[in-house]
């Protein structure tokens, strides 16, 4: 079984399946803290090394390779073990959790994630959480069961957790408050508004902004960016998805992070180098050194 939710999105809405030209490099390197480099369906094929070399050429020093099922979690750990520019995040995605549960394999899958989380290059449990957009009422108990199990794994292994939260803000926050969040909790591709950003920041969570912060209809994300403390923000691609404007509709990749960083700096009225230094320090604070 592959990541169902991800592969259904791999070609949706794409006008051009080729990768765009590289942007102007950043002077101070940053990190892409959430990407899916194993997904090549419907996009121009690039090897892991090609992706990382392109990223390095524009000032992206490393990536956190996120996962959504057993297969992609194993791929992430193998990638991280093979290249020092990669750290792994392992998990069962909330949209896949009901599938594993229906097949009677959720406990087995979580046990695999537990084993993979022990690898020294695995620095996060993710992506996990709740998604009420793609999963209906019948699948929600499995999502909650899986989410709480993943929270326990992050705390057991003393690593970060990357949350996928779609149309489930209140329940995600309630779950974290009730069972106790891991020390380093990241809202991957933050999708809330300024009010939620304040709640998350007050709780000590990190907010990760992706290319959709540049979208015309995403004022809520820009409002959230303005209220989030600088020491609590991260940047990501969610590649190959959420390509920033003006390249929306093309495949995303870590080497396009500079577009999002420059947009964020302009939105916040900050010097690009100042923001880059802050983002890099935040990433290392959450995941540890890439060396």
Protein backbone atom coordinates (compact mmCIF):
# COMPACT_ATOMS: atom_id res chain seq x y z
CA UNK A 1 0.00 0.00 0.00
CA UNK A 2 1.35 3.42 -0.91
CA UNK A 3 0.40 6.74 0.59
CA UNK A 4 -3.11 6.95 -0.81
CA UNK A 5 -3.76 10.57 0.06
CA UNK A 6 -0.45 11.71 -1.43
CA UNK A 7 -0.50 9.84 -4.69
CA UNK A 8 -4.01 10.99 -5.48
CA UNK A 9 -2.66 14.55 -5.33
CA UNK A 10 0.51 14.00 -7.34
CA UNK A 11 -0.83 15.27 -10.69
CA UNK A 12 -3.96 17.13 -9.58
CA UNK A 13 -4.09 20.68 -10.91
CA UNK A 14 -0.72 20.55 -12.63
CA UNK A 15 -0.35 22.52 -15.84
CA UNK A 16 3.33 21.73 -16.40
CA UNK A 17 4.98 18.62 -14.97
CA UNK A 18 8.56 19.85 -15.48
CA UNK A 19 10.55 21.48 -12.71
CA UNK A 20 11.04 25.26 -13.01
CA UNK A 21 14.37 27.07 -13.15
CA UNK A 22 16.30 27.64 -9.94
CA UNK A 23 15.69 30.90 -8.05
CA UNK A 24 18.39 33.26 -6.83
CA UNK A 25 20.41 31.52 -4.09
CA UNK A 26 20.09 32.46 -0.44
CA UNK A 27 23.21 33.87 1.21
CA UNK A 28 22.57 32.15 4.54
CA UNK A 29 21.52 28.48 4.21
CA UNK A 30 18.19 27.23 5.52
CA UNK A 31 16.44 23.85 5.64
CA UNK A 32 13.30 22.39 4.09
CA UNK A 33 11.73 20.84 7.18
CA UNK A 34 9.07 18.78 5.35
CA UNK A 35 9.17 17.22 1.89
CA UNK A 36 8.25 13.98 0.10
CA UNK A 37 11.13 13.31 -2.28
CA UNK A 38 10.09 9.70 -2.84
CA UNK A 39 7.05 10.87 -4.81
CA UNK A 40 7.83 11.02 -8.50
CA UNK A 41 4.41 10.14 -9.92
CA UNK A 42 3.54 12.48 -12.75
CA UNK A 43 6.56 14.77 -12.32
CA UNK A 44 9.94 15.04 -13.96
CA UNK A 45 12.03 12.26 -12.36
CA UNK A 46 14.95 13.46 -10.25
CA UNK A 47 17.11 11.24 -8.08
CA UNK A 48 17.57 11.99 -4.40
CA UNK A 49 21.07 13.24 -5.09
CA UNK A 50 19.87 15.50 -7.92
CA UNK A 51 17.20 16.98 -5.65
CA UNK A 52 19.70 17.63 -2.88
CA UNK A 53 22.35 19.02 -5.22
CA UNK A 54 19.86 21.47 -6.73
CA UNK A 55 18.79 22.48 -3.24
CA UNK A 56 22.36 22.96 -2.05
CA UNK A 57 23.15 25.17 -5.02
CA UNK A 58 20.58 27.75 -3.86
CA UNK A 59 21.32 27.64 -0.15
CA UNK A 60 19.15 24.78 1.12
CA UNK A 61 21.49 22.88 3.39
CA UNK A 62 19.27 19.90 4.13
CA UNK A 63 15.77 18.43 4.21
CA UNK A 64 13.53 16.50 6.55
CA UNK A 65 12.01 13.68 4.52
CA UNK A 66 8.48 13.12 5.81
CA UNK A 67 6.44 9.94 5.58
CA UNK A 68 2.87 8.69 5.53
CA UNK A 69 2.97 4.90 5.52
CA UNK A 70 5.28 1.99 6.24
CA UNK A 71 6.89 2.00 2.80
CA UNK A 72 7.63 5.71 2.70
CA UNK A 73 8.89 5.62 6.29
CA UNK A 74 11.42 2.95 5.36
CA UNK A 75 12.40 5.01 2.31
CA UNK A 76 12.93 8.07 4.51
CA UNK A 77 15.24 6.24 6.90
CA UNK A 78 17.23 4.74 4.03
CA UNK A 79 17.57 8.19 2.43
CA UNK A 80 18.71 9.75 5.70
CA UNK A 81 21.23 6.96 6.25
CA UNK A 82 22.62 7.41 2.74
CA UNK A 83 23.10 11.21 2.70
CA UNK A 84 23.99 13.61 5.53
CA UNK A 85 21.75 16.28 4.01
CA UNK A 86 18.64 14.25 4.94
CA UNK A 87 16.90 13.58 8.23
CA UNK A 88 13.91 11.24 8.45
CA UNK A 89 10.40 11.65 9.83
CA UNK A 90 8.36 8.43 10.04
CA UNK A 91 4.63 7.89 10.54
CA UNK A 92 1.29 6.60 9.33
CA UNK A 93 -0.62 9.52 7.80
CA UNK A 94 -4.08 10.17 9.30
CA UNK A 95 -5.78 9.43 5.99
CA UNK A 96 -4.01 6.08 5.78
CA UNK A 97 -4.67 5.11 9.39
CA UNK A 98 -8.28 4.01 8.72
CA UNK A 99 -7.06 1.84 5.83
CA UNK A 100 -4.54 0.08 8.04
CA UNK A 101 -7.20 -0.26 10.73
CA UNK A 102 -9.72 -1.80 8.33
CA UNK A 103 -7.08 -4.27 7.19
CA UNK A 104 -6.28 -5.16 10.81
CA UNK A 105 -2.71 -3.88 10.44
CA UNK A 106 -2.64 -0.58 12.32
CA UNK A 107 -0.94 -1.97 15.43
CA UNK A 108 1.60 -3.78 13.26
CA UNK A 109 2.28 -0.62 11.24
CA UNK A 110 2.78 1.48 14.37
CA UNK A 111 5.21 -1.15 15.66
CA UNK A 112 7.24 -0.71 12.46
CA UNK A 113 7.23 3.06 12.95
CA UNK A 114 8.42 2.50 16.52
CA UNK A 115 11.38 0.47 15.25
CA UNK A 116 12.24 2.99 12.52
CA UNK A 117 12.04 5.84 15.04
CA UNK A 118 14.99 4.34 16.90
CA UNK A 119 17.34 5.01 13.97
CA UNK A 120 19.77 7.84 14.80
CA UNK A 121 18.88 9.70 11.58
CA UNK A 122 15.16 9.62 12.41
CA UNK A 123 14.47 12.94 14.11
CA UNK A 124 10.69 13.19 13.97
CA UNK A 125 7.45 11.28 14.03
CA UNK A 126 5.49 12.62 11.09
CA UNK A 127 3.31 13.27 9.50
CA UNK A 128 0.57 12.36 11.94
CA UNK A 129 -2.53 14.10 13.19
CA UNK A 130 -6.14 14.48 12.08
CA UNK A 131 -7.69 15.14 8.67
CA UNK A 132 -11.45 15.63 8.52
CA UNK A 133 -11.34 16.84 4.91
CA UNK A 134 -10.55 13.50 3.25
CA UNK A 135 -11.71 11.11 5.98
CA UNK A 136 -15.35 10.90 7.04
CA UNK A 137 -16.89 10.16 10.41
CA UNK A 138 -16.37 6.40 10.11
CA UNK A 139 -12.60 6.75 9.83
CA UNK A 140 -12.07 9.27 12.58
CA UNK A 141 -11.73 6.83 15.51
CA UNK A 142 -8.80 5.18 13.71
CA UNK A 143 -7.23 8.58 13.11
CA UNK A 144 -7.49 9.46 16.79
CA UNK A 145 -6.09 6.09 17.84
CA UNK A 146 -3.17 6.46 15.46
CA UNK A 147 -2.51 10.08 16.42
CA UNK A 148 -2.30 9.29 20.11
CA UNK A 149 -0.04 6.31 19.42
CA UNK A 150 2.29 8.53 17.40
CA UNK A 151 2.37 11.15 20.15
CA UNK A 152 3.49 8.40 22.52
CA UNK A 153 6.23 7.33 20.10
CA UNK A 154 7.61 10.85 19.78
CA UNK A 155 7.82 11.10 23.56
CA UNK A 156 9.26 7.60 23.91
CA UNK A 157 12.09 8.33 21.46
CA UNK A 158 12.60 11.93 22.52
CA UNK A 159 12.19 13.28 18.99
CA UNK A 160 10.03 15.91 17.36
CA UNK A 161 6.54 15.39 15.95
CA UNK A 162 5.16 16.82 12.69
CA UNK A 163 1.40 17.32 12.70
CA UNK A 164 -0.90 17.12 9.70
CA UNK A 165 -4.03 19.11 10.59
CA UNK A 166 -6.79 19.67 8.07
CA UNK A 167 -10.25 20.85 9.11
CA UNK A 168 -9.54 19.49 12.58
CA UNK A 169 -7.91 22.38 14.44
CA UNK A 170 -9.93 22.15 17.66
CA UNK A 171 -9.60 18.38 17.97
CA UNK A 172 -5.85 18.43 17.29
CA UNK A 173 -5.28 21.09 19.93
CA UNK A 174 -7.57 19.29 22.39
CA UNK A 175 -5.74 16.00 21.87
CA UNK A 176 -2.35 17.60 22.43
CA UNK A 177 -3.54 19.30 25.59
CA UNK A 178 -5.24 16.18 26.93
CA UNK A 179 -2.51 13.60 26.37
CA UNK A 180 0.46 15.95 26.51
CA UNK A 181 2.35 17.10 23.45
CA UNK A 182 5.92 16.05 22.70
CA UNK A 183 8.50 18.64 23.74
CA UNK A 184 9.04 19.63 20.09
CA UNK A 185 5.76 19.73 18.20
CA UNK A 186 5.53 21.19 14.69
CA UNK A 187 2.37 22.10 12.81
CA UNK A 188 3.46 21.07 9.32
CA UNK A 189 2.01 23.29 6.58
CA UNK A 190 0.24 25.40 9.18
CA UNK A 191 -3.35 25.91 8.03
CA UNK A 192 -4.94 27.90 10.83
CA UNK A 193 -5.42 31.63 11.35
CA UNK A 194 -3.90 34.23 13.64
CA UNK A 195 -6.02 33.12 16.62
CA UNK A 196 -4.85 29.52 16.29
CA UNK A 197 -1.27 30.68 15.76
CA UNK A 198 -1.40 32.48 19.11
CA UNK A 199 -2.75 29.36 20.85
CA UNK A 200 -0.11 27.16 19.27
CA UNK A 201 2.74 29.54 20.04
CA UNK A 202 1.58 29.97 23.64
CA UNK A 203 1.65 26.18 23.98
CA UNK A 204 5.24 26.11 22.72
CA UNK A 205 4.55 24.59 19.31
CA UNK A 206 6.36 25.48 16.09
CA UNK A 207 4.49 26.69 12.98
CA UNK A 208 5.85 25.60 9.61
CA UNK A 209 4.91 27.67 6.57
CA UNK A 210 4.82 26.21 3.05
CA UNK A 211 4.43 27.73 -0.41
CA UNK A 212 0.71 28.24 0.07
CA UNK A 213 1.47 31.25 2.28
CA UNK A 214 2.06 33.02 -1.06
CA UNK A 215 -1.37 32.12 -2.49
CA UNK A 216 -3.80 34.97 -3.06
CA UNK A 217 -6.57 33.25 -1.08
CA UNK A 218 -4.36 32.47 1.95
CA UNK A 219 -4.65 35.67 3.97
CA UNK A 220 -5.26 33.56 7.07
CA UNK A 221 -1.75 32.13 6.74
CA UNK A 222 -0.20 35.56 6.36
CA UNK A 223 -2.13 36.75 9.40
CA UNK A 224 -0.78 33.75 11.32
CA UNK A 225 2.76 34.47 10.14
CA UNK A 226 2.54 38.00 11.54
CA UNK A 227 1.58 36.87 15.05
CA UNK A 228 3.87 33.82 15.28
CA UNK A 229 7.04 34.50 17.31
CA UNK A 230 10.12 34.39 15.07
CA UNK A 231 11.66 31.72 17.27
CA UNK A 232 8.66 29.45 16.53
CA UNK A 233 8.51 29.55 12.71
CA UNK A 234 9.90 27.11 10.15
CA UNK A 235 9.78 26.84 6.37
CA UNK A 236 8.96 23.84 4.19
CA UNK A 237 7.91 22.81 0.70
CA UNK A 238 5.67 19.76 1.24
CA UNK A 239 7.21 18.93 -2.14
CA UNK A 240 6.10 18.05 -4.72
CA UNK A 241 3.01 20.02 -3.64
CA UNK A 242 2.17 23.64 -2.75
CA UNK A 243 4.58 25.28 -5.16
CA UNK A 244 4.80 28.99 -4.33
CA UNK A 245 3.59 31.80 -6.54
CA UNK A 246 4.50 32.59 -9.32
CA UNK A 247 5.18 28.91 -10.08
CA UNK A 248 1.94 27.48 -8.71
CA UNK A 249 0.90 24.49 -10.83
CA UNK A 250 4.48 23.28 -11.37
CA UNK A 251 6.11 20.56 -9.27
CA UNK A 252 7.62 21.77 -6.02
CA UNK A 253 11.07 20.84 -4.72
CA UNK A 254 13.42 21.89 -1.92
CA UNK A 255 15.42 24.16 -4.26
CA UNK A 256 12.35 26.42 -4.50
CA UNK A 257 12.39 27.24 -0.76
CA UNK A 258 14.09 30.61 -1.45
CA UNK A 259 10.87 31.84 -3.08
CA UNK A 260 8.87 31.20 0.07
CA UNK A 261 11.58 32.58 2.36
CA UNK A 262 11.82 35.82 0.41
CA UNK A 263 8.04 36.18 0.44
CA UNK A 264 7.96 35.62 4.20
CA UNK A 265 10.74 38.16 4.75
CA UNK A 266 8.93 40.78 2.67
CA UNK A 267 5.64 40.08 4.45
CA UNK A 268 7.31 40.51 7.84
CA UNK A 269 9.46 43.46 6.82
CA UNK A 270 12.64 41.57 7.69
CA UNK A 271 16.02 41.36 6.01
CA UNK A 272 16.22 38.04 4.14
CA UNK A 273 19.50 37.10 5.79
CA UNK A 274 18.05 37.82 9.23
CA UNK A 275 15.07 35.56 8.56
CA UNK A 276 17.29 32.82 7.11
CA UNK A 277 19.49 32.78 10.20
CA UNK A 278 16.42 32.51 12.42
CA UNK A 279 14.85 29.72 10.33
CA UNK A 280 18.08 27.72 10.31
CA UNK A 281 18.50 28.04 14.07
CA UNK A 282 14.87 27.03 14.65
CA UNK A 283 15.25 23.95 12.44
CA UNK A 284 18.31 22.74 14.33
CA UNK A 285 16.55 23.43 17.65
CA UNK A 286 13.70 21.14 16.60
CA UNK A 287 15.52 18.32 14.79
CA UNK A 288 19.13 18.54 15.91
CA UNK A 289 22.21 18.84 13.76
CA UNK A 290 22.29 17.33 10.28
CA UNK A 291 25.98 16.41 10.73
